[in-house]
N, C-alpha and C. Protein backbone atom coordinates (compact mmCIF):
# COMPACT_ATOMS: atom_id res chain seq x y z
N UNK A 1 -45.93 0.26 -49.75
CA UNK A 1 -45.01 1.21 -50.31
C UNK A 1 -44.03 0.48 -51.23
N UNK A 2 -43.70 1.11 -52.32
CA UNK A 2 -42.71 0.56 -53.24
C UNK A 2 -41.33 0.72 -52.61
N UNK A 3 -40.57 -0.40 -52.56
CA UNK A 3 -39.25 -0.35 -51.92
C UNK A 3 -38.12 -0.71 -52.87
N UNK A 4 -38.45 -1.10 -54.09
CA UNK A 4 -37.39 -1.44 -55.03
C UNK A 4 -37.91 -2.20 -56.22
N UNK A 5 -36.96 -2.69 -57.01
CA UNK A 5 -37.27 -3.47 -58.20
C UNK A 5 -36.71 -4.88 -58.05
N UNK A 6 -37.30 -5.82 -58.74
CA UNK A 6 -36.87 -7.21 -58.68
C UNK A 6 -35.37 -7.35 -58.93
N UNK A 7 -34.84 -6.60 -59.87
CA UNK A 7 -33.41 -6.67 -60.20
C UNK A 7 -32.48 -6.12 -59.13
N UNK A 8 -33.04 -5.46 -58.12
CA UNK A 8 -32.21 -4.88 -57.05
C UNK A 8 -31.70 -5.91 -56.06
N UNK A 9 -32.34 -7.09 -56.01
CA UNK A 9 -32.03 -8.05 -54.96
C UNK A 9 -31.99 -9.47 -55.53
N UNK A 10 -30.79 -10.00 -55.68
CA UNK A 10 -30.61 -11.35 -56.23
C UNK A 10 -31.04 -12.42 -55.22
N UNK A 11 -31.34 -13.61 -55.70
CA UNK A 11 -31.69 -14.73 -54.83
C UNK A 11 -30.55 -14.99 -53.84
N UNK A 12 -30.94 -15.23 -52.58
CA UNK A 12 -29.96 -15.49 -51.54
C UNK A 12 -29.37 -14.24 -50.91
N UNK A 13 -29.89 -13.08 -51.29
CA UNK A 13 -29.38 -11.81 -50.76
C UNK A 13 -30.46 -11.11 -49.95
N UNK A 14 -30.04 -10.11 -49.18
CA UNK A 14 -30.95 -9.31 -48.37
C UNK A 14 -30.43 -7.89 -48.31
N UNK A 15 -31.33 -6.97 -47.97
CA UNK A 15 -30.94 -5.58 -47.81
C UNK A 15 -31.92 -4.88 -46.89
N UNK A 16 -31.45 -3.77 -46.33
CA UNK A 16 -32.32 -2.97 -45.47
C UNK A 16 -32.98 -1.89 -46.32
N UNK A 17 -34.27 -1.70 -46.12
CA UNK A 17 -35.00 -0.63 -46.77
C UNK A 17 -35.69 0.19 -45.69
N UNK A 18 -35.98 1.43 -46.02
CA UNK A 18 -36.70 2.30 -45.09
C UNK A 18 -38.11 2.51 -45.62
N UNK A 19 -39.07 2.36 -44.74
CA UNK A 19 -40.46 2.68 -45.05
C UNK A 19 -40.89 3.63 -43.95
N UNK A 20 -40.88 4.92 -44.26
CA UNK A 20 -41.11 5.92 -43.22
C UNK A 20 -40.01 5.79 -42.19
N UNK A 21 -40.37 5.75 -40.92
CA UNK A 21 -39.34 5.62 -39.87
C UNK A 21 -38.88 4.18 -39.64
N UNK A 22 -39.50 3.22 -40.29
CA UNK A 22 -39.18 1.81 -40.06
C UNK A 22 -38.01 1.33 -40.90
N UNK A 23 -37.15 0.54 -40.24
CA UNK A 23 -36.06 -0.15 -40.94
C UNK A 23 -36.53 -1.59 -41.14
N UNK A 24 -36.61 -1.99 -42.40
CA UNK A 24 -37.16 -3.30 -42.75
C UNK A 24 -36.11 -4.11 -43.51
N UNK A 25 -36.01 -5.38 -43.16
CA UNK A 25 -35.13 -6.31 -43.86
C UNK A 25 -35.91 -6.94 -44.99
N UNK A 26 -35.42 -6.81 -46.20
CA UNK A 26 -36.02 -7.42 -47.37
C UNK A 26 -35.08 -8.53 -47.83
N UNK A 27 -35.61 -9.75 -47.95
CA UNK A 27 -34.78 -10.90 -48.32
C UNK A 27 -35.38 -11.62 -49.53
N UNK A 28 -34.50 -12.13 -50.38
CA UNK A 28 -34.90 -12.92 -51.53
C UNK A 28 -34.48 -14.37 -51.26
N UNK A 29 -35.47 -15.22 -51.02
CA UNK A 29 -35.22 -16.64 -50.75
C UNK A 29 -35.73 -17.42 -51.96
N UNK A 30 -34.81 -17.87 -52.79
CA UNK A 30 -35.14 -18.65 -53.98
C UNK A 30 -36.18 -17.97 -54.86
N UNK A 31 -36.04 -16.66 -55.06
CA UNK A 31 -36.94 -15.91 -55.93
C UNK A 31 -38.22 -15.44 -55.27
N UNK A 32 -38.40 -15.73 -53.99
CA UNK A 32 -39.55 -15.25 -53.23
C UNK A 32 -39.07 -14.19 -52.25
N UNK A 33 -39.82 -13.11 -52.12
CA UNK A 33 -39.40 -11.99 -51.30
C UNK A 33 -40.14 -12.00 -49.96
N UNK A 34 -39.38 -11.70 -48.90
CA UNK A 34 -39.92 -11.66 -47.55
C UNK A 34 -39.41 -10.40 -46.86
N UNK A 35 -40.24 -9.87 -45.95
CA UNK A 35 -39.87 -8.66 -45.22
C UNK A 35 -40.15 -8.84 -43.74
N UNK A 36 -39.18 -8.44 -42.92
CA UNK A 36 -39.32 -8.46 -41.47
C UNK A 36 -38.72 -7.16 -40.93
N UNK A 37 -38.92 -6.92 -39.63
CA UNK A 37 -38.19 -5.83 -39.01
C UNK A 37 -36.70 -6.12 -39.14
N UNK A 38 -35.91 -5.08 -39.32
CA UNK A 38 -34.46 -5.24 -39.52
C UNK A 38 -33.71 -5.35 -38.20
N UNK A 39 -34.32 -4.93 -37.10
CA UNK A 39 -33.62 -4.90 -35.82
C UNK A 39 -33.84 -6.20 -35.05
N UNK A 40 -32.76 -6.81 -34.62
CA UNK A 40 -32.83 -8.03 -33.81
C UNK A 40 -33.64 -7.75 -32.54
N UNK A 41 -34.47 -8.70 -32.14
CA UNK A 41 -35.30 -8.51 -30.95
C UNK A 41 -34.51 -8.72 -29.65
N UNK A 42 -33.28 -9.17 -29.75
CA UNK A 42 -32.44 -9.36 -28.56
C UNK A 42 -31.67 -8.09 -28.24
N UNK A 43 -31.05 -7.50 -29.23
CA UNK A 43 -30.26 -6.29 -29.07
C UNK A 43 -30.53 -5.38 -30.27
N UNK A 44 -30.01 -4.20 -30.24
CA UNK A 44 -30.24 -3.23 -31.30
C UNK A 44 -29.27 -3.42 -32.47
N UNK A 45 -29.22 -4.60 -33.04
CA UNK A 45 -28.34 -4.88 -34.17
C UNK A 45 -29.15 -4.97 -35.45
N UNK A 46 -28.58 -4.46 -36.53
CA UNK A 46 -29.22 -4.54 -37.84
C UNK A 46 -29.00 -5.92 -38.44
N UNK A 47 -30.09 -6.62 -38.69
CA UNK A 47 -29.99 -7.97 -39.26
C UNK A 47 -29.45 -7.94 -40.69
N UNK A 48 -29.62 -6.82 -41.38
CA UNK A 48 -29.14 -6.74 -42.77
C UNK A 48 -27.62 -6.81 -42.86
N UNK A 49 -26.93 -6.62 -41.73
CA UNK A 49 -25.47 -6.76 -41.73
C UNK A 49 -25.04 -8.16 -41.28
N UNK A 50 -26.02 -9.02 -41.03
CA UNK A 50 -25.76 -10.41 -40.67
C UNK A 50 -25.62 -11.26 -41.93
N UNK A 51 -25.93 -12.55 -41.79
CA UNK A 51 -25.81 -13.45 -42.93
C UNK A 51 -27.12 -14.18 -43.15
N UNK A 52 -27.40 -14.47 -44.43
CA UNK A 52 -28.61 -15.17 -44.83
C UNK A 52 -28.21 -16.54 -45.39
N UNK A 53 -28.77 -17.59 -44.80
CA UNK A 53 -28.53 -18.96 -45.26
C UNK A 53 -29.90 -19.59 -45.47
N UNK A 54 -30.28 -19.75 -46.75
CA UNK A 54 -31.63 -20.23 -47.04
C UNK A 54 -32.62 -19.21 -46.55
N UNK A 55 -33.55 -19.63 -45.70
CA UNK A 55 -34.55 -18.70 -45.17
C UNK A 55 -34.16 -18.13 -43.81
N UNK A 56 -32.95 -18.40 -43.34
CA UNK A 56 -32.55 -18.00 -41.99
C UNK A 56 -31.52 -16.88 -42.00
N UNK A 57 -31.83 -15.83 -41.23
CA UNK A 57 -30.90 -14.72 -41.07
C UNK A 57 -30.27 -14.85 -39.68
N UNK A 58 -28.96 -14.62 -39.65
CA UNK A 58 -28.23 -14.71 -38.39
C UNK A 58 -27.78 -13.31 -37.99
N UNK A 59 -28.10 -12.94 -36.76
CA UNK A 59 -27.72 -11.63 -36.24
C UNK A 59 -26.20 -11.55 -36.09
N UNK A 60 -25.60 -10.44 -36.54
CA UNK A 60 -24.15 -10.31 -36.47
C UNK A 60 -23.63 -10.07 -35.05
N UNK A 61 -24.48 -9.69 -34.12
CA UNK A 61 -24.02 -9.33 -32.79
C UNK A 61 -23.86 -10.53 -31.86
N UNK A 62 -24.93 -11.29 -31.64
CA UNK A 62 -24.87 -12.42 -30.71
C UNK A 62 -25.29 -13.75 -31.33
N UNK A 63 -25.59 -13.78 -32.63
CA UNK A 63 -25.85 -15.03 -33.32
C UNK A 63 -27.28 -15.55 -33.29
N UNK A 64 -28.22 -14.76 -32.82
CA UNK A 64 -29.62 -15.20 -32.88
C UNK A 64 -29.98 -15.46 -34.34
N UNK A 65 -30.81 -16.49 -34.58
CA UNK A 65 -31.25 -16.80 -35.94
C UNK A 65 -32.77 -16.70 -35.99
N UNK A 66 -33.26 -16.19 -37.13
CA UNK A 66 -34.68 -16.01 -37.37
C UNK A 66 -35.03 -16.53 -38.76
N UNK A 67 -36.26 -17.00 -38.93
CA UNK A 67 -36.78 -17.30 -40.26
C UNK A 67 -37.28 -16.00 -40.86
N UNK A 68 -36.80 -15.64 -42.05
CA UNK A 68 -37.31 -14.43 -42.69
C UNK A 68 -38.70 -14.68 -43.27
N UNK A 69 -39.08 -15.94 -43.42
CA UNK A 69 -40.42 -16.27 -43.95
C UNK A 69 -41.51 -16.06 -42.90
N UNK A 70 -41.22 -16.44 -41.66
CA UNK A 70 -42.23 -16.38 -40.61
C UNK A 70 -41.91 -15.40 -39.49
N UNK A 71 -40.66 -14.98 -39.39
CA UNK A 71 -40.21 -14.12 -38.30
C UNK A 71 -39.86 -14.89 -37.04
N UNK A 72 -40.07 -16.20 -37.05
CA UNK A 72 -39.88 -17.03 -35.86
C UNK A 72 -38.40 -17.10 -35.44
N UNK A 73 -38.18 -16.98 -34.11
CA UNK A 73 -36.85 -17.18 -33.55
C UNK A 73 -36.49 -18.65 -33.69
N UNK A 74 -35.32 -18.93 -34.24
CA UNK A 74 -34.87 -20.30 -34.42
C UNK A 74 -33.72 -20.65 -33.48
N UNK A 75 -33.02 -19.62 -32.99
CA UNK A 75 -31.87 -19.86 -32.12
C UNK A 75 -31.70 -18.68 -31.17
N UNK A 76 -31.42 -18.97 -29.92
CA UNK A 76 -31.19 -17.95 -28.89
C UNK A 76 -29.91 -17.18 -29.18
N UNK A 77 -29.70 -16.04 -28.55
CA UNK A 77 -30.33 -15.59 -27.33
C UNK A 77 -31.65 -14.85 -27.50
N UNK A 78 -32.05 -14.49 -28.70
CA UNK A 78 -33.35 -13.82 -28.87
C UNK A 78 -34.47 -14.76 -28.45
N UNK A 79 -35.52 -14.19 -27.89
CA UNK A 79 -36.68 -15.00 -27.50
C UNK A 79 -37.98 -14.47 -28.09
N UNK A 80 -37.92 -13.33 -28.75
CA UNK A 80 -39.10 -12.71 -29.34
C UNK A 80 -39.01 -12.75 -30.87
N UNK A 81 -40.10 -13.19 -31.51
CA UNK A 81 -40.14 -13.26 -32.97
C UNK A 81 -40.08 -11.87 -33.59
N UNK A 82 -39.68 -11.82 -34.86
CA UNK A 82 -39.67 -10.58 -35.63
C UNK A 82 -41.06 -10.33 -36.20
N UNK A 83 -41.41 -9.07 -36.34
CA UNK A 83 -42.63 -8.71 -37.06
C UNK A 83 -42.38 -8.91 -38.54
N UNK A 84 -43.34 -9.49 -39.25
CA UNK A 84 -43.21 -9.70 -40.69
C UNK A 84 -44.20 -8.80 -41.42
N UNK A 85 -43.93 -8.60 -42.71
CA UNK A 85 -44.76 -7.72 -43.53
C UNK A 85 -45.10 -8.41 -44.84
N UNK A 86 -46.25 -8.09 -45.36
CA UNK A 86 -46.70 -8.63 -46.63
C UNK A 86 -45.87 -8.03 -47.76
N UNK A 87 -45.37 -8.87 -48.66
CA UNK A 87 -44.59 -8.42 -49.82
C UNK A 87 -45.35 -8.80 -51.07
N UNK A 88 -45.42 -7.86 -52.01
CA UNK A 88 -46.13 -8.09 -53.27
C UNK A 88 -45.23 -7.62 -54.41
N UNK A 89 -45.12 -8.43 -55.45
CA UNK A 89 -44.36 -8.04 -56.64
C UNK A 89 -45.34 -7.80 -57.77
N UNK A 90 -45.24 -6.62 -58.37
CA UNK A 90 -46.11 -6.27 -59.50
C UNK A 90 -45.30 -5.45 -60.50
N UNK A 91 -45.33 -5.88 -61.75
CA UNK A 91 -44.62 -5.18 -62.83
C UNK A 91 -43.16 -4.92 -62.47
N UNK A 92 -42.49 -5.98 -61.93
CA UNK A 92 -41.07 -5.92 -61.57
C UNK A 92 -40.76 -4.98 -60.40
N UNK A 93 -41.79 -4.46 -59.73
CA UNK A 93 -41.60 -3.62 -58.56
C UNK A 93 -41.93 -4.42 -57.30
N UNK A 94 -41.18 -4.15 -56.23
CA UNK A 94 -41.40 -4.81 -54.94
C UNK A 94 -42.12 -3.83 -54.02
N UNK A 95 -43.23 -4.29 -53.46
CA UNK A 95 -44.04 -3.48 -52.56
C UNK A 95 -44.14 -4.16 -51.21
N UNK A 96 -44.12 -3.37 -50.15
CA UNK A 96 -44.29 -3.89 -48.79
C UNK A 96 -45.52 -3.25 -48.19
N UNK A 97 -46.39 -4.10 -47.63
CA UNK A 97 -47.59 -3.61 -46.95
C UNK A 97 -47.34 -3.48 -45.47
N UNK A 98 -47.65 -2.34 -44.90
CA UNK A 98 -47.43 -2.12 -43.49
C UNK A 98 -48.68 -2.32 -42.66
N UNK A 99 -49.84 -2.51 -43.30
CA UNK A 99 -51.08 -2.76 -42.57
C UNK A 99 -51.89 -3.77 -43.34
N UNK A 100 -52.90 -4.34 -42.68
CA UNK A 100 -53.83 -5.24 -43.35
C UNK A 100 -53.18 -6.46 -43.92
N UNK A 101 -52.40 -7.17 -43.16
CA UNK A 101 -51.74 -8.39 -43.65
C UNK A 101 -50.44 -8.61 -42.93
N UNK A 102 -50.05 -7.62 -42.12
CA UNK A 102 -48.85 -7.80 -41.32
C UNK A 102 -49.11 -8.88 -40.28
N UNK A 103 -48.05 -9.51 -39.85
CA UNK A 103 -48.19 -10.49 -38.77
C UNK A 103 -47.44 -9.95 -37.56
N UNK A 104 -47.90 -10.28 -36.38
CA UNK A 104 -47.21 -9.77 -35.19
C UNK A 104 -45.84 -10.39 -35.04
């Protein structure tokens, strides 16, 4: 699904997008786009209201850190990785794939 345009998200920034009922975190890491679930796996906090440092997003509630590139938990208290989604840029549009390339 198309979720935005390249100009909508500067390098080093992130935002929450909706794809159907899903809340997805879209992040721009040095000009490369990554998408994960927006909800922290520890508590029901929106990661898009946290902070992004390089490829790592920090949850605003309890400080769990995740890689937006892989979804991997980097710092507790979360213990479950984020689901990631395939991102494709075509003709200045950003697309997120919800099947056939998603990672658990």
